[in-house]
Protein backbone atom coordinates (compact mmCIF):
# COMPACT_ATOMS: atom_id res chain seq x y z
CA GLN A 1 11.62 32.97 -20.86
CA VAL A 2 9.89 29.99 -22.43
CA GLN A 3 6.88 28.53 -20.73
CA LEU A 4 5.75 24.97 -21.31
CA VAL A 5 2.31 23.76 -20.35
CA GLU A 6 1.46 20.07 -20.31
CA SER A 7 -2.01 18.64 -20.51
CA GLY A 8 -3.75 15.38 -21.25
CA GLY A 9 -2.85 13.34 -18.22
CA GLY A 10 -5.37 11.46 -16.16
CA LEU A 11 -6.60 8.09 -15.00
CA VAL A 12 -6.91 5.34 -17.56
CA GLN A 13 -7.47 1.61 -17.39
CA PRO A 14 -4.77 -0.85 -18.44
CA GLY A 15 -4.73 -1.22 -22.20
CA GLY A 16 -6.09 2.25 -22.71
CA SER A 17 -4.59 5.27 -24.41
CA LEU A 18 -3.77 8.86 -23.58
CA ARG A 19 -2.29 11.72 -25.54
CA LEU A 20 -0.17 14.23 -23.70
CA SER A 21 0.34 17.72 -25.08
CA CYS A 22 3.07 20.23 -24.35
CA ALA A 23 2.36 23.72 -25.60
CA GLY A 24 5.21 26.19 -25.64
CA SER A 25 5.27 29.97 -25.60
CA GLY A 26 8.10 30.00 -28.13
CA SER A 27 8.33 28.80 -31.69
CA ILE A 28 9.38 25.18 -32.05
CA PHE A 29 11.96 26.30 -34.59
CA ARG A 30 13.97 27.77 -31.68
CA PHE A 31 14.57 24.35 -30.19
CA ARG A 32 17.02 21.66 -31.15
CA ALA A 33 15.31 18.90 -29.20
CA MET A 34 12.05 18.30 -27.39
CA GLY A 35 11.17 15.41 -25.20
CA TRP A 36 9.15 13.75 -22.50
CA TYR A 37 10.45 12.48 -19.19
CA ARG A 38 8.69 10.87 -16.27
CA ARG A 39 9.16 10.34 -12.58
CA ALA A 40 7.42 7.45 -10.92
CA PRO A 41 6.93 7.36 -7.14
CA GLY A 42 10.20 6.54 -5.41
CA LYS A 43 12.18 6.57 -8.64
CA GLN A 44 14.43 8.96 -10.48
CA ARG A 45 13.29 10.91 -13.49
CA GLU A 46 13.84 9.02 -16.72
CA LEU A 47 13.72 9.70 -20.41
CA VAL A 48 10.60 8.55 -22.25
CA ALA A 49 10.97 9.96 -25.76
CA THR A 50 12.70 12.73 -27.65
CA ILE A 51 12.42 14.36 -31.06
CA THR A 52 15.07 16.55 -32.63
CA SER A 53 14.72 19.54 -34.90
CA GLY A 54 15.53 17.24 -37.77
CA GLY A 55 12.73 14.88 -36.85
CA SER A 56 14.78 12.06 -35.38
CA THR A 57 13.07 10.26 -32.55
CA ASN A 58 14.34 8.22 -29.66
CA TYR A 59 12.38 6.11 -27.18
CA ALA A 60 13.03 4.31 -23.95
CA ASP A 61 13.07 0.59 -24.56
CA SER A 62 10.12 0.11 -22.24
CA VAL A 63 7.81 2.28 -24.38
CA SER A 64 9.13 1.67 -27.88
CA GLY A 65 6.36 0.54 -30.16
CA ARG A 66 3.62 1.78 -27.85
CA PHE A 67 4.41 5.49 -27.48
CA THR A 68 4.84 8.02 -30.28
CA ILE A 69 6.27 11.52 -30.01
CA SER A 70 5.29 14.12 -32.57
CA ARG A 71 5.12 17.88 -33.02
CA ASP A 72 2.88 20.49 -34.59
CA TYR A 73 4.77 23.56 -35.76
CA ALA A 74 1.65 25.62 -36.27
CA LYS A 75 0.53 25.04 -32.69
CA ASN A 76 4.01 25.09 -31.09
CA THR A 77 3.03 21.84 -29.45
CA VAL A 78 4.69 18.49 -28.87
CA TYR A 79 2.62 15.39 -28.27
CA LEU A 80 3.13 12.00 -26.71
CA GLN A 81 0.63 9.40 -27.86
CA MET A 82 0.59 6.55 -25.39
CA ASN A 83 -1.12 3.29 -26.30
CA SER A 84 -1.51 -0.09 -24.64
CA LEU A 85 -0.90 1.50 -21.29
CA LYS A 86 0.34 -0.58 -18.39
CA PRO A 87 0.24 0.21 -14.66
CA GLU A 88 4.03 0.51 -14.57
CA VAL A 89 3.93 3.68 -16.67
CA THR A 90 2.15 5.51 -13.85
CA ALA A 91 4.18 8.64 -13.19
CA VAL A 92 4.30 12.39 -13.49
CA TYR A 93 5.23 13.22 -17.06
CA TYR A 94 7.26 16.31 -17.88
CA CYS A 95 8.04 17.90 -21.19
CA ASN A 96 11.46 19.34 -21.84
CA TRP A 97 12.62 21.61 -24.65
CA LYS A 98 16.27 22.44 -25.32
CA ASP A 99 17.18 25.41 -27.43
CA TRP A 100 20.28 26.07 -29.49
CA SER A 101 21.80 28.25 -26.79
CA ALA A 102 21.90 25.60 -24.06
CA GLY A 103 18.59 26.77 -22.66
CA ASP A 104 16.73 23.96 -20.93
CA TYR A 105 13.04 24.35 -20.21
CA TRP A 106 10.62 22.17 -18.26
CA GLY A 107 6.89 22.03 -17.87
CA GLN A 108 5.10 21.65 -14.57
CA GLY A 109 4.23 18.01 -15.12
CA THR A 110 1.04 16.08 -15.68
CA GLN A 111 0.00 12.98 -13.77
CA VAL A 112 -0.64 9.75 -15.64
CA THR A 113 -2.20 6.93 -13.67
CA VAL A 114 -2.93 3.53 -15.15
CA SER A 115 -5.14 1.49 -12.91
CA SER A 116 -8.24 -0.66 -12.99
């Protein structure tokens, strides 16, 4: 069983930055895609960003140009760098890793709050 642990969330002022981390118990090479999702209060979970095993990235339109997803093979960790933060990105952020055998793994979530 793969365990994912997110960290890096918190309270930040508008315009600020945060970097989320998702550390996995398995090697990143096992996974065909890794991503970040979020759920804002009263809303459904939505895709934020994904990165494939080949390095292709995909972003929600609302974060494109401000958020960057990346990975560190040596640390088995995926990151989400979030810049120019706005209050509307306030949500619980979850990392998700999908392996080559249809396994689908989620972290416990980390709260991101953007407020003055």
